[in-house]
């Protein structure tokens, strides 16, 4: 278990050793959770009011950071990603205009409601069941402020489950999911952890939060991944057949008959030549332009998205992968906002 996982446990053990009443511990945990949600709520209200004061929009992207790394099966570095991605978004080496001409300096295109204070919540001994609920509630608070739509900065891929759950519940029905990744992340419970980053899409499909799940860029999949994929009716597009599937994947039309489209991008969907700063380096992936072609040409109402699994601790000294993650965020923001 990582240091991140041990801290909350040690906190509880210490309190138990001091015979602190359980009710008192739970009251303290609830106060921290309430304060965390209040912070997200007030920031979302402020950003929603700003967008509406500027004349409004049909949809406006709002960043929400979820710096969670302890459900990673290998390295916990993705917990440090959100501030690095934000820094790269506004790096002076580039301008604030997206490839399709959206201006990120316009709050009607992009705002930011800050981070869910994951570590502070876990330091109080809050377990993952409650933490996942906090993440879901935070996403819903953003969505309550019309026209804000959440673009979530991970964090490891376990965050996609509570985010998709929140989006589906808030909209009142399932979504179609476009999932770009080297791995299918559909184990029943990897290493006996139902919230593992390798199990997030099993939880999503079990919950009925997605009608279609398209997984693109897959090149590290075992028998369980394929069996689970068939069980849930997942459309898995492996890199070994990408040249054959390219035309279809670059002309997707999703979301008709459901509540919209959710896009989940694991940075390791990219070949490590483009994005070395990931925990699970898997050669033979998508090029950055492959990913942009899929995103730019996608037809559908994108209601929310996430960018996950960037690990700053494995990035190059010049922060190349941070810039890659930031450009993915920038182009997703342009896709969502209208």
Protein backbone atom coordinates (compact mmCIF):
# COMPACT_ATOMS: atom_id res chain seq x y z
CA UNK A 1 0.00 0.00 0.00
CA UNK A 2 1.26 3.47 -0.88
CA UNK A 3 1.91 6.28 1.58
CA UNK A 4 -1.31 7.84 0.32
CA UNK A 5 -3.29 4.78 1.32
CA UNK A 6 -1.60 4.42 4.70
CA UNK A 7 -2.19 7.97 5.94
CA UNK A 8 -5.94 7.70 6.38
CA UNK A 9 -5.63 4.26 7.99
CA UNK A 10 -2.98 5.48 10.44
CA UNK A 11 -5.24 8.38 11.35
CA UNK A 12 -8.07 6.04 12.29
CA UNK A 13 -5.78 3.66 14.17
CA UNK A 14 -4.44 6.54 16.23
CA UNK A 15 -7.91 7.79 17.08
CA UNK A 16 -9.06 4.28 17.98
CA UNK A 17 -6.02 3.85 20.21
CA UNK A 18 -6.99 7.04 22.01
CA UNK A 19 -10.55 5.71 22.43
CA UNK A 20 -12.07 8.61 20.53
CA UNK A 21 -15.82 7.94 20.11
CA UNK A 22 -16.81 6.75 16.64
CA UNK A 23 -19.61 9.31 16.52
CA UNK A 24 -17.10 12.10 17.06
CA UNK A 25 -14.86 10.81 14.28
CA UNK A 26 -17.80 10.55 11.89
CA UNK A 27 -18.95 14.05 12.79
CA UNK A 28 -15.51 15.43 11.99
CA UNK A 29 -15.41 13.57 8.68
CA UNK A 30 -18.82 14.94 7.74
CA UNK A 31 -17.71 18.49 8.51
CA UNK A 32 -14.68 18.13 6.24
CA UNK A 33 -16.84 16.68 3.46
CA UNK A 34 -19.44 19.43 3.84
CA UNK A 35 -16.75 22.11 3.72
CA UNK A 36 -15.25 20.53 0.60
CA UNK A 37 -18.58 20.44 -1.19
CA UNK A 38 -19.36 24.00 -0.12
CA UNK A 39 -16.12 25.18 -1.70
CA UNK A 40 -16.96 23.51 -5.03
CA UNK A 41 -20.57 24.75 -4.87
CA UNK A 42 -19.64 28.39 -4.32
CA UNK A 43 -16.96 28.35 -7.00
CA UNK A 44 -19.37 26.78 -9.49
CA UNK A 45 -22.03 29.38 -8.64
CA UNK A 46 -19.55 32.19 -9.22
CA UNK A 47 -18.38 30.80 -12.56
CA UNK A 48 -21.92 30.08 -13.70
CA UNK A 49 -22.99 33.62 -12.84
CA UNK A 50 -20.01 35.00 -14.76
CA UNK A 51 -20.85 33.03 -17.90
CA UNK A 52 -24.51 34.07 -17.74
CA UNK A 53 -23.57 37.72 -17.16
CA UNK A 54 -21.48 37.62 -20.33
CA UNK A 55 -24.52 36.60 -22.35
CA UNK A 56 -24.52 32.91 -21.63
CA UNK A 57 -23.78 29.93 -23.82
CA UNK A 58 -25.41 26.68 -24.83
CA UNK A 59 -22.60 24.83 -23.06
CA UNK A 60 -19.50 26.06 -21.26
CA UNK A 61 -16.61 23.89 -20.10
CA UNK A 62 -15.56 24.07 -16.46
CA UNK A 63 -12.47 22.32 -15.13
CA UNK A 64 -12.74 20.24 -11.96
CA UNK A 65 -9.61 18.64 -10.54
CA UNK A 66 -9.72 15.27 -8.78
CA UNK A 67 -6.15 14.64 -7.54
CA UNK A 68 -6.59 10.98 -6.64
CA UNK A 69 -3.82 8.43 -7.13
CA UNK A 70 -4.19 5.74 -4.50
CA UNK A 71 -6.31 3.43 -6.67
CA UNK A 72 -3.47 3.03 -9.13
CA UNK A 73 -2.03 -0.48 -9.25
CA UNK A 74 1.51 0.70 -9.96
CA UNK A 75 2.38 4.35 -9.25
CA UNK A 76 0.43 7.08 -7.47
CA UNK A 77 1.91 10.04 -9.36
CA UNK A 78 -1.35 10.95 -11.18
CA UNK A 79 -2.50 12.54 -7.92
CA UNK A 80 -0.12 15.40 -8.71
CA UNK A 81 -1.39 16.00 -12.25
CA UNK A 82 -4.15 18.66 -12.02
CA UNK A 83 -1.93 21.66 -11.13
CA UNK A 84 0.64 20.63 -13.74
CA UNK A 85 -2.04 20.44 -16.42
CA UNK A 86 -3.42 23.84 -15.46
CA UNK A 87 0.05 25.36 -15.58
CA UNK A 88 0.60 23.91 -19.06
CA UNK A 89 -2.79 25.10 -20.35
CA UNK A 90 -1.72 28.70 -19.80
CA UNK A 91 1.95 28.25 -20.67
CA UNK A 92 3.32 31.25 -22.52
CA UNK A 93 4.90 29.03 -25.17
CA UNK A 94 1.53 28.84 -26.94
CA UNK A 95 -1.55 31.02 -27.35
CA UNK A 96 -5.03 30.64 -25.94
CA UNK A 97 -6.79 29.72 -29.19
CA UNK A 98 -7.72 26.11 -29.93
CA UNK A 99 -7.20 24.49 -33.31
CA UNK A 100 -10.85 25.01 -34.25
CA UNK A 101 -10.75 28.68 -33.26
CA UNK A 102 -12.24 28.75 -29.76
CA UNK A 103 -10.74 31.35 -27.43
CA UNK A 104 -9.92 29.84 -24.03
CA UNK A 105 -9.64 33.28 -22.40
CA UNK A 106 -13.40 33.62 -22.88
CA UNK A 107 -15.15 32.32 -19.72
CA UNK A 108 -18.01 31.17 -21.94
CA UNK A 109 -15.54 28.61 -23.31
CA UNK A 110 -13.51 27.69 -20.22
CA UNK A 111 -13.73 28.29 -16.47
CA UNK A 112 -12.24 26.46 -13.49
CA UNK A 113 -13.87 25.50 -10.18
CA UNK A 114 -10.72 24.12 -8.56
CA UNK A 115 -9.99 20.73 -7.01
CA UNK A 116 -11.85 18.27 -4.85
CA UNK A 117 -9.53 18.14 -1.79
CA UNK A 118 -9.04 14.39 -2.02
CA UNK A 119 -6.06 14.02 0.30
CA UNK A 120 -7.53 16.25 2.99
CA UNK A 121 -10.68 14.12 2.96
CA UNK A 122 -8.70 10.87 3.11
CA UNK A 123 -6.52 12.23 5.91
CA UNK A 124 -9.68 12.22 8.04
CA UNK A 125 -10.08 8.49 7.51
CA UNK A 126 -12.89 8.74 4.95
CA UNK A 127 -13.17 5.48 3.01
CA UNK A 128 -13.46 5.14 -0.75
CA UNK A 129 -17.22 4.57 -0.72
CA UNK A 130 -17.77 8.02 0.76
CA UNK A 131 -14.96 9.57 -1.27
CA UNK A 132 -16.52 8.38 -4.50
CA UNK A 133 -19.80 9.94 -3.37
CA UNK A 134 -18.01 13.24 -2.72
CA UNK A 135 -16.57 13.18 -6.24
CA UNK A 136 -20.01 12.45 -7.71
CA UNK A 137 -21.63 15.23 -5.69
CA UNK A 138 -18.91 17.67 -6.76
CA UNK A 139 -19.60 16.90 -10.42
CA UNK A 140 -23.33 17.41 -9.88
CA UNK A 141 -22.70 20.77 -8.23
CA UNK A 142 -20.89 21.92 -11.38
CA UNK A 143 -23.70 20.66 -13.59
CA UNK A 144 -26.32 22.50 -11.52
CA UNK A 145 -24.87 25.80 -12.72
CA UNK A 146 -26.21 26.11 -16.25
CA UNK A 147 -24.51 26.14 -18.76
CA UNK A 148 -21.42 24.62 -17.07
CA UNK A 149 -20.29 21.17 -18.15
CA UNK A 150 -17.51 19.36 -16.25
CA UNK A 151 -14.14 18.51 -17.73
CA UNK A 152 -12.41 16.56 -14.99
CA UNK A 153 -8.64 16.51 -14.51
CA UNK A 154 -7.36 13.29 -12.96
CA UNK A 155 -6.00 11.62 -11.11
CA UNK A 156 -5.96 7.94 -11.90
CA UNK A 157 -8.70 6.33 -13.96
CA UNK A 158 -10.77 5.26 -10.95
CA UNK A 159 -12.28 8.75 -10.99
CA UNK A 160 -14.21 8.03 -14.19
CA UNK A 161 -16.68 5.83 -12.33
CA UNK A 162 -18.01 8.47 -9.90
CA UNK A 163 -17.88 11.15 -12.60
CA UNK A 164 -19.86 9.15 -15.18
CA UNK A 165 -22.29 8.05 -12.48
CA UNK A 166 -22.92 11.68 -11.54
CA UNK A 167 -23.37 12.77 -15.15
CA UNK A 168 -25.82 9.95 -15.89
CA UNK A 169 -27.81 10.50 -12.69
CA UNK A 170 -27.95 14.26 -13.17
CA UNK A 171 -29.08 14.00 -16.79
CA UNK A 172 -31.54 11.23 -16.01
CA UNK A 173 -30.25 8.44 -18.23
CA UNK A 174 -27.27 6.69 -19.80
CA UNK A 175 -24.68 8.26 -22.08
CA UNK A 176 -22.48 6.94 -24.86
CA UNK A 177 -18.81 6.78 -23.82
CA UNK A 178 -15.78 7.21 -26.02
CA UNK A 179 -12.86 5.81 -24.02
CA UNK A 180 -9.32 6.22 -25.36
CA UNK A 181 -6.79 4.06 -23.50
CA UNK A 182 -4.06 1.46 -23.83
CA UNK A 183 -6.05 -0.71 -21.39
CA UNK A 184 -9.76 -1.59 -21.16
CA UNK A 185 -9.92 -0.97 -17.37
CA UNK A 186 -12.76 -3.43 -17.05
CA UNK A 187 -11.48 -5.99 -14.54
CA UNK A 188 -14.16 -7.05 -12.09
CA UNK A 189 -12.00 -6.00 -9.12
CA UNK A 190 -8.31 -5.70 -9.89
CA UNK A 191 -6.20 -6.84 -6.92
CA UNK A 192 -9.47 -7.17 -4.95
CA UNK A 193 -10.08 -3.43 -5.24
CA UNK A 194 -13.50 -2.68 -6.73
CA UNK A 195 -12.44 0.96 -7.17
CA UNK A 196 -9.14 0.13 -8.88
CA UNK A 197 -8.22 2.30 -11.84
CA UNK A 198 -8.29 -0.97 -13.78
CA UNK A 199 -11.93 -1.62 -12.84
CA UNK A 200 -13.65 1.72 -13.41
CA UNK A 201 -15.53 0.72 -16.55
CA UNK A 202 -16.82 -2.48 -14.99
CA UNK A 203 -18.49 -0.32 -12.34
CA UNK A 204 -19.86 2.04 -15.00
CA UNK A 205 -21.36 -0.75 -17.08
CA UNK A 206 -22.76 -2.59 -14.04
CA UNK A 207 -24.51 0.60 -13.00
CA UNK A 208 -26.18 1.04 -16.38
CA UNK A 209 -24.65 4.48 -16.81
CA UNK A 210 -23.59 3.87 -20.43
CA UNK A 211 -25.50 2.56 -23.41
CA UNK A 212 -22.46 2.20 -25.65
CA UNK A 213 -18.84 2.02 -24.58
CA UNK A 214 -16.27 2.36 -27.34
CA UNK A 215 -12.69 1.64 -26.26
CA UNK A 216 -10.04 2.89 -28.67
CA UNK A 217 -6.26 2.46 -28.59
CA UNK A 218 -6.28 -0.84 -26.70
CA UNK A 219 -3.02 -2.76 -26.85
CA UNK A 220 -2.66 -4.31 -23.40
CA UNK A 221 -5.60 -6.65 -22.85
CA UNK A 222 -5.84 -10.15 -21.43
CA UNK A 223 -8.53 -12.80 -21.46
CA UNK A 224 -10.52 -11.22 -18.60
CA UNK A 225 -10.56 -7.91 -20.46
CA UNK A 226 -12.05 -9.57 -23.52
CA UNK A 227 -14.52 -11.68 -21.53
CA UNK A 228 -15.69 -8.64 -19.56
CA UNK A 229 -15.93 -6.68 -22.79
CA UNK A 230 -18.23 -9.29 -24.30
CA UNK A 231 -20.25 -9.49 -21.08
CA UNK A 232 -21.03 -5.79 -21.21
CA UNK A 233 -21.26 -5.46 -25.00
CA UNK A 234 -18.22 -3.19 -25.20
CA UNK A 235 -16.90 -2.16 -28.62
CA UNK A 236 -13.15 -2.70 -28.29
CA UNK A 237 -10.87 -1.31 -31.02
CA UNK A 238 -7.35 -2.63 -30.61
CA UNK A 239 -4.27 -0.95 -32.04
CA UNK A 240 -3.36 -4.08 -34.01
CA UNK A 241 -6.36 -3.34 -36.28
CA UNK A 242 -6.32 0.47 -36.10
CA UNK A 243 -5.40 0.93 -39.77
CA UNK A 244 -8.50 -1.07 -40.69
CA UNK A 245 -10.74 0.77 -38.19
CA UNK A 246 -9.36 4.28 -38.76
CA UNK A 247 -12.06 5.55 -41.14
CA UNK A 248 -14.85 4.45 -38.83
CA UNK A 249 -13.20 5.87 -35.70
CA UNK A 250 -12.47 9.19 -37.36
CA UNK A 251 -16.13 9.57 -38.34
CA UNK A 252 -18.01 8.61 -35.19
CA UNK A 253 -21.57 9.68 -34.53
CA UNK A 254 -22.62 9.07 -30.93
CA UNK A 255 -25.23 10.09 -28.39
CA UNK A 256 -28.44 9.86 -30.39
CA UNK A 257 -31.24 8.44 -28.23
CA UNK A 258 -29.34 8.92 -24.97
CA UNK A 259 -28.34 11.89 -22.83
CA UNK A 260 -25.18 12.72 -24.77
CA UNK A 261 -21.56 11.70 -25.11
CA UNK A 262 -18.91 11.31 -22.42
CA UNK A 263 -15.24 11.27 -23.44
CA UNK A 264 -12.60 9.68 -21.22
CA UNK A 265 -8.97 10.07 -22.29
CA UNK A 266 -6.26 8.12 -20.53
CA UNK A 267 -3.03 9.82 -21.61
CA UNK A 268 -1.44 6.40 -22.13
CA UNK A 269 -3.70 5.88 -25.14
CA UNK A 270 -0.90 7.77 -26.88
CA UNK A 271 2.28 6.07 -27.91
CA UNK A 272 4.96 6.85 -25.27
CA UNK A 273 6.91 8.68 -27.99
CA UNK A 274 4.24 11.39 -27.64
CA UNK A 275 3.48 11.04 -23.92
CA UNK A 276 6.23 9.41 -21.83
CA UNK A 277 4.91 10.80 -18.55
CA UNK A 278 2.51 7.97 -17.68
CA UNK A 279 2.62 5.19 -15.11
CA UNK A 280 1.99 2.33 -17.56
CA UNK A 281 4.22 2.74 -20.60
CA UNK A 282 2.84 0.65 -23.45
CA UNK A 283 4.49 1.03 -26.90
CA UNK A 284 2.50 0.92 -30.12
CA UNK A 285 -0.15 3.51 -29.35
CA UNK A 286 -2.04 6.29 -31.08
CA UNK A 287 -0.32 9.38 -32.40
CA UNK A 288 -1.43 12.72 -31.04
CA UNK A 289 -2.94 13.61 -34.43
CA UNK A 290 -4.85 10.30 -34.44
CA UNK A 291 -6.51 11.34 -31.19
CA UNK A 292 -7.29 14.86 -32.41
CA UNK A 293 -8.78 13.54 -35.64
CA UNK A 294 -11.10 11.28 -33.63
CA UNK A 295 -12.11 14.15 -31.33
CA UNK A 296 -12.49 16.84 -33.97
CA UNK A 297 -14.58 14.67 -36.28
CA UNK A 298 -16.83 13.19 -33.60
CA UNK A 299 -20.48 14.10 -34.11
CA UNK A 300 -22.44 14.27 -30.86
CA UNK A 301 -23.32 16.42 -27.88
CA UNK A 302 -20.38 16.07 -25.49
CA UNK A 303 -21.83 16.57 -22.00
CA UNK A 304 -18.69 15.88 -19.93
CA UNK A 305 -15.18 14.47 -20.18
CA UNK A 306 -12.06 13.55 -18.27
CA UNK A 307 -8.31 13.45 -18.89
CA UNK A 308 -6.55 11.01 -16.58
CA UNK A 309 -3.37 9.08 -15.77
CA UNK A 310 -0.82 11.79 -16.55
CA UNK A 311 2.00 11.14 -14.08
CA UNK A 312 4.21 14.25 -13.58
CA UNK A 313 6.76 12.13 -11.70
CA UNK A 314 7.57 10.29 -14.93
CA UNK A 315 7.47 13.26 -17.28
CA UNK A 316 10.46 14.67 -19.14
CA UNK A 317 12.33 17.59 -17.59
CA UNK A 318 10.71 20.03 -20.03
CA UNK A 319 7.20 18.84 -19.13
CA UNK A 320 6.36 17.45 -22.57
CA UNK A 321 3.54 15.19 -21.35
CA UNK A 322 2.05 18.03 -19.32
CA UNK A 323 1.77 20.03 -22.55
CA UNK A 324 0.23 17.01 -24.29
CA UNK A 325 -2.36 16.60 -21.52
CA UNK A 326 -3.03 20.34 -21.59
CA UNK A 327 -3.66 20.33 -25.34
CA UNK A 328 -6.07 17.44 -24.94
CA UNK A 329 -7.91 19.50 -22.32
CA UNK A 330 -7.90 22.57 -24.56
CA UNK A 331 -9.34 20.72 -27.54
CA UNK A 332 -11.91 18.94 -25.37
CA UNK A 333 -12.99 22.31 -23.94
CA UNK A 334 -13.54 23.55 -27.47
CA UNK A 335 -15.53 20.42 -28.32
CA UNK A 336 -17.78 20.75 -25.28
CA UNK A 337 -18.40 24.50 -25.40
CA UNK A 338 -20.89 26.05 -27.77
